[in-house]
Amino acid sequence: MKSTEKLAAEAHSNAQQQAAPRRTRIKLCGLSKPEDVAHAIDLGADAIGLVFYPPSPRSVSVAQAVELVHDVPPFVSVVGLFVNATPDWIREVASNVGLTLLQFHGDETADQCELLASLAGLPWLRALRIAADTQPADLVKSALNYSAASGLLFDTHVEGYGGGGKVFDWSLIPAELARRAVLSGGLNAQNVSDAIHRVRPYAVDVSSGIEVSGAKGVKDHARMAAFVRAVRAADAE
């Protein structure tokens, strides 16, 4: 049997864990200017996202990316977003840019994700696009299929690939997947608190919600700051 002292210590530890505020990780994505990266870091973002999908208005070249990551400090993740990328493109980016995580946002199978990640020698996220007819069971099945992924990014299914600024039904995300969840899709400073309270995701990811209205890829520093404040306020509650 456990001693009275040990039981008391465990109870105290549990109470401390319950009292401690949770901390939702924040990824600010689609950054393309050094001043935007610097601002994200100053705000305390946990990760910055760089888009390596040429058709996207938020896409950056390898040369741009090298400049963007030059002053990124330790413990801030640099996530590279790819859509149906070729092995050669993954290899070129990974060998020149200091990425810490890959994000596959296209139609890649689990095997393709693992192969591409192995070329880069990096962990990876899989984006799951939530359509109108998606069911929770579909997400559980996908989570099992992509079990090797470090996390699952839930985004709204739109024409094209990501960045549509559309919200999906958050109640579709099963509670058992919340710990692996990176919640995306139409988040902004006005709705992220509600999203965190409903889903309790590990992290939130925003791109269009921190941009100048009607200007894809142009970040608004005030909106970036407001988003981070809203996440921290939700955590404190």
Protein backbone atom coordinates (compact mmCIF):
# COMPACT_ATOMS: atom_id res chain seq x y z
CA MET A 1 0.00 0.00 0.00
CA LYS A 2 1.07 3.57 -0.55
CA SER A 3 2.04 5.58 2.49
CA THR A 4 -0.09 8.50 3.67
CA GLU A 5 2.75 10.86 2.79
CA LYS A 6 2.98 9.52 -0.76
CA LEU A 7 -0.76 9.74 -1.31
CA ALA A 8 -0.73 13.32 -0.05
CA ALA A 9 2.15 14.21 -2.37
CA GLU A 10 0.34 12.70 -5.38
CA ALA A 11 -2.84 14.57 -4.50
CA HIS A 12 -0.89 17.82 -4.23
CA SER A 13 0.78 17.20 -7.60
CA ASN A 14 -2.56 16.44 -9.26
CA ALA A 15 -4.08 19.57 -7.77
CA GLN A 16 -1.22 21.66 -9.12
CA GLN A 17 -1.62 20.18 -12.59
CA GLN A 18 -5.36 20.87 -12.57
CA ALA A 19 -4.83 24.43 -11.35
CA ALA A 20 -2.13 25.25 -13.89
CA PRO A 21 -3.49 27.00 -17.00
CA ARG A 22 -3.28 25.02 -20.19
CA ARG A 23 -1.19 26.45 -23.03
CA THR A 24 -2.47 26.12 -26.54
CA ARG A 25 0.40 26.21 -29.00
CA ILE A 26 0.20 28.82 -31.76
CA LYS A 27 1.32 28.54 -35.37
CA LEU A 28 1.22 31.67 -37.54
CA CYS A 29 1.28 30.50 -41.14
CA GLY A 30 1.86 31.88 -44.60
CA LEU A 31 4.58 34.32 -43.53
CA SER A 32 6.62 35.76 -46.38
CA LYS A 33 8.43 38.83 -45.02
CA PRO A 34 11.25 39.03 -42.46
CA GLU A 35 9.36 41.67 -40.46
CA ASP A 36 6.36 39.31 -40.19
CA VAL A 37 8.56 36.50 -38.88
CA ALA A 38 10.20 38.86 -36.40
CA HIS A 39 6.81 40.05 -35.18
CA ALA A 40 5.56 36.47 -34.80
CA ILE A 41 8.59 35.65 -32.67
CA ASP A 42 8.15 38.79 -30.55
CA LEU A 43 4.54 37.78 -29.93
CA GLY A 44 5.66 34.40 -28.61
CA ALA A 45 4.41 32.20 -31.44
CA ASP A 46 5.43 28.56 -31.04
CA ALA A 47 5.75 27.98 -34.78
CA ILE A 48 5.87 29.85 -38.05
CA GLY A 49 4.58 28.35 -41.28
CA LEU A 50 6.22 28.77 -44.68
CA VAL A 51 4.31 27.74 -47.80
CA PHE A 52 6.22 25.85 -50.48
CA TYR A 53 3.34 25.49 -52.93
CA PRO A 54 4.01 27.77 -55.93
CA PRO A 55 0.34 28.32 -56.94
CA SER A 56 -0.38 29.84 -53.53
CA PRO A 57 -0.19 33.64 -53.13
CA ARG A 58 1.60 32.91 -49.84
CA SER A 59 4.29 30.75 -51.43
CA VAL A 60 7.96 31.51 -50.86
CA SER A 61 11.04 30.44 -52.78
CA VAL A 62 13.96 28.60 -51.22
CA ALA A 63 16.00 31.81 -51.28
CA GLN A 64 13.22 33.73 -49.51
CA ALA A 65 12.83 30.98 -46.94
CA VAL A 66 16.53 30.96 -46.12
CA GLU A 67 16.31 34.69 -45.37
CA LEU A 68 13.13 34.26 -43.32
CA VAL A 69 14.55 31.59 -41.02
CA HIS A 70 17.93 33.25 -40.54
CA ASP A 71 17.11 34.81 -37.17
CA VAL A 72 14.56 32.31 -35.86
CA PRO A 73 15.64 31.47 -32.29
CA PRO A 74 15.79 28.01 -30.71
CA PHE A 75 12.52 26.35 -29.74
CA VAL A 76 10.47 28.15 -32.40
CA SER A 77 9.42 25.56 -34.96
CA VAL A 78 9.71 26.27 -38.67
CA VAL A 79 6.99 24.35 -40.49
CA GLY A 80 7.15 23.81 -44.24
CA LEU A 81 3.79 23.39 -45.95
CA PHE A 82 3.76 21.20 -49.08
CA VAL A 83 1.00 20.19 -51.47
CA ASN A 84 1.55 17.06 -53.57
CA ALA A 85 5.25 17.85 -53.65
CA THR A 86 7.78 15.81 -55.60
CA PRO A 87 10.65 14.12 -53.80
CA ASP A 88 13.08 16.46 -55.58
CA TRP A 89 11.26 19.54 -54.28
CA ILE A 90 11.15 18.20 -50.72
CA ARG A 91 14.84 17.36 -50.94
CA GLU A 92 15.78 20.80 -52.29
CA VAL A 93 13.85 22.68 -49.61
CA ALA A 94 14.97 20.44 -46.76
CA SER A 95 18.63 20.63 -47.72
CA ASN A 96 18.65 24.44 -47.84
CA VAL A 97 16.06 25.66 -45.33
CA GLY A 98 16.21 24.94 -41.61
CA LEU A 99 12.79 23.32 -41.31
CA THR A 100 11.85 21.47 -38.15
CA LEU A 101 8.52 20.01 -39.29
CA LEU A 102 6.77 19.14 -42.56
CA GLN A 103 3.07 19.73 -43.19
CA PHE A 104 1.44 17.75 -45.97
CA HIS A 105 -1.63 19.56 -47.22
CA GLY A 106 -2.44 17.81 -50.48
CA ASP A 107 -3.63 14.35 -51.47
CA GLU A 108 -0.63 12.47 -50.11
CA THR A 109 -1.19 8.95 -48.84
CA ALA A 110 0.27 7.81 -45.54
CA ASP A 111 3.02 5.93 -47.37
CA GLN A 112 3.88 8.98 -49.46
CA CYS A 113 4.04 11.19 -46.36
CA GLU A 114 6.39 8.79 -44.63
CA LEU A 115 8.61 8.49 -47.71
CA LEU A 116 8.84 12.25 -48.23
CA ALA A 117 9.49 12.87 -44.54
CA SER A 118 12.26 10.28 -44.58
CA LEU A 119 13.97 12.19 -47.40
CA ALA A 120 14.00 15.28 -45.22
CA GLY A 121 14.72 13.42 -42.01
CA LEU A 122 11.94 15.35 -40.29
CA PRO A 123 8.69 14.67 -38.42
CA TRP A 124 5.45 15.58 -40.16
CA LEU A 125 1.87 16.77 -39.81
CA ARG A 126 -1.02 15.61 -41.97
CA ALA A 127 -3.75 18.06 -42.89
CA LEU A 128 -7.24 16.57 -42.93
CA ARG A 129 -9.74 18.60 -44.91
CA ILE A 130 -13.21 18.65 -43.37
CA ALA A 131 -16.03 18.62 -45.92
CA ALA A 132 -19.76 19.09 -45.39
CA ASP A 133 -20.35 15.32 -45.34
CA THR A 134 -17.37 14.43 -43.11
CA GLN A 135 -18.26 12.37 -40.04
CA PRO A 136 -16.33 11.90 -36.77
CA ALA A 137 -15.80 8.23 -37.69
CA ASP A 138 -14.05 9.36 -40.88
CA LEU A 139 -11.60 11.40 -38.84
CA VAL A 140 -10.89 8.52 -36.47
CA LYS A 141 -10.21 6.29 -39.46
CA SER A 142 -7.87 8.89 -40.97
CA ALA A 143 -6.07 9.29 -37.65
CA LEU A 144 -5.39 5.57 -37.55
CA ASN A 145 -4.23 5.63 -41.17
CA TYR A 146 -1.82 8.49 -40.45
CA SER A 147 -0.71 7.16 -37.07
CA ALA A 148 2.94 7.91 -37.88
CA ALA A 149 2.21 11.63 -38.12
CA SER A 150 3.29 13.86 -35.24
CA GLY A 151 -0.09 15.54 -35.37
CA LEU A 152 -3.25 16.09 -37.41
CA LEU A 153 -4.17 19.49 -38.76
CA PHE A 154 -7.91 19.94 -39.22
CA ASP A 155 -8.82 22.41 -41.95
CA THR A 156 -11.92 23.28 -43.95
CA HIS A 157 -12.32 21.64 -47.35
CA VAL A 158 -12.34 24.40 -49.98
CA GLU A 159 -11.61 24.55 -53.67
CA GLY A 160 -7.86 24.37 -54.00
CA TYR A 161 -5.69 23.69 -50.97
CA GLY A 162 -6.11 25.62 -47.73
CA GLY A 163 -6.16 29.30 -46.88
CA GLY A 164 -9.86 29.70 -47.67
CA GLY A 165 -10.76 31.39 -44.39
CA LYS A 166 -13.78 29.12 -43.91
CA VAL A 167 -14.85 27.59 -40.60
CA PHE A 168 -16.03 23.98 -40.32
CA ASP A 169 -18.15 22.32 -37.64
CA TRP A 170 -15.72 21.91 -34.75
CA SER A 171 -17.98 19.38 -33.04
CA LEU A 172 -16.94 16.85 -35.69
CA ILE A 173 -13.52 16.44 -34.06
CA PRO A 174 -13.70 13.48 -31.63
CA ALA A 175 -12.47 14.25 -28.14
CA GLU A 176 -9.93 11.43 -28.34
CA LEU A 177 -8.17 13.24 -31.21
CA ALA A 178 -7.95 16.64 -29.51
CA ARG A 179 -4.51 15.98 -28.06
CA ARG A 180 -3.11 15.44 -31.56
CA ALA A 181 -5.18 18.22 -33.11
CA VAL A 182 -3.87 21.37 -34.74
CA LEU A 183 -7.05 23.34 -35.37
CA SER A 184 -7.17 25.49 -38.50
CA GLY A 185 -9.75 26.77 -40.94
CA GLY A 186 -11.16 30.29 -40.68
CA LEU A 187 -9.74 31.08 -37.25
CA ASN A 188 -9.31 34.69 -36.20
CA ALA A 189 -9.09 36.77 -33.03
CA GLN A 190 -12.88 36.85 -32.76
CA ASN A 191 -13.59 33.10 -32.84
CA VAL A 192 -10.42 31.37 -31.64
CA SER A 193 -11.44 31.53 -27.96
CA ASP A 194 -14.69 29.69 -28.70
CA ALA A 195 -12.77 27.15 -30.80
CA ILE A 196 -10.33 26.44 -27.98
CA HIS A 197 -13.10 26.02 -25.41
CA ARG A 198 -15.01 23.63 -27.65
CA VAL A 199 -12.21 21.49 -29.07
CA ARG A 200 -9.33 21.84 -26.58
CA PRO A 201 -6.80 21.32 -29.38
CA TYR A 202 -3.09 20.96 -28.82
CA ALA A 203 -2.47 23.89 -31.17
CA VAL A 204 -4.19 26.43 -33.40
CA ASP A 205 -3.04 27.49 -36.85
CA VAL A 206 -3.98 30.76 -38.57
CA SER A 207 -3.16 32.30 -41.93
CA SER A 208 -5.95 34.28 -43.60
CA GLY A 209 -7.26 35.40 -40.20
CA ILE A 210 -4.14 37.52 -39.61
CA GLU A 211 -4.04 39.13 -43.04
CA VAL A 212 -5.06 42.51 -44.37
CA SER A 213 -8.65 42.17 -45.60
CA GLY A 214 -8.73 41.06 -49.22
CA ALA A 215 -4.95 40.80 -49.49
CA LYS A 216 -3.85 37.17 -49.39
CA GLY A 217 -0.34 36.81 -48.07
CA VAL A 218 -0.12 40.32 -46.63
CA LYS A 219 0.02 40.00 -42.86
CA ASP A 220 -1.51 42.55 -40.50
CA HIS A 221 0.64 42.95 -37.39
CA ALA A 222 -2.26 44.20 -35.29
CA ARG A 223 -4.32 41.13 -36.21
CA MET A 224 -1.39 38.87 -35.45
CA ALA A 225 -1.12 40.39 -31.98
CA ALA A 226 -4.88 40.23 -31.40
CA PHE A 227 -4.95 36.56 -32.32
CA VAL A 228 -2.16 35.66 -29.91
CA ARG A 229 -3.83 37.67 -27.13
CA ALA A 230 -7.12 35.89 -27.73
CA VAL A 231 -5.48 32.47 -27.48
CA ARG A 232 -3.69 33.37 -24.25
CA ALA A 233 -6.90 34.79 -22.79
CA ALA A 234 -8.77 31.58 -23.64
CA ASP A 235 -6.04 29.53 -21.97
CA ALA A 236 -6.25 31.68 -18.83
CA GLU A 237 -9.99 31.08 -18.59
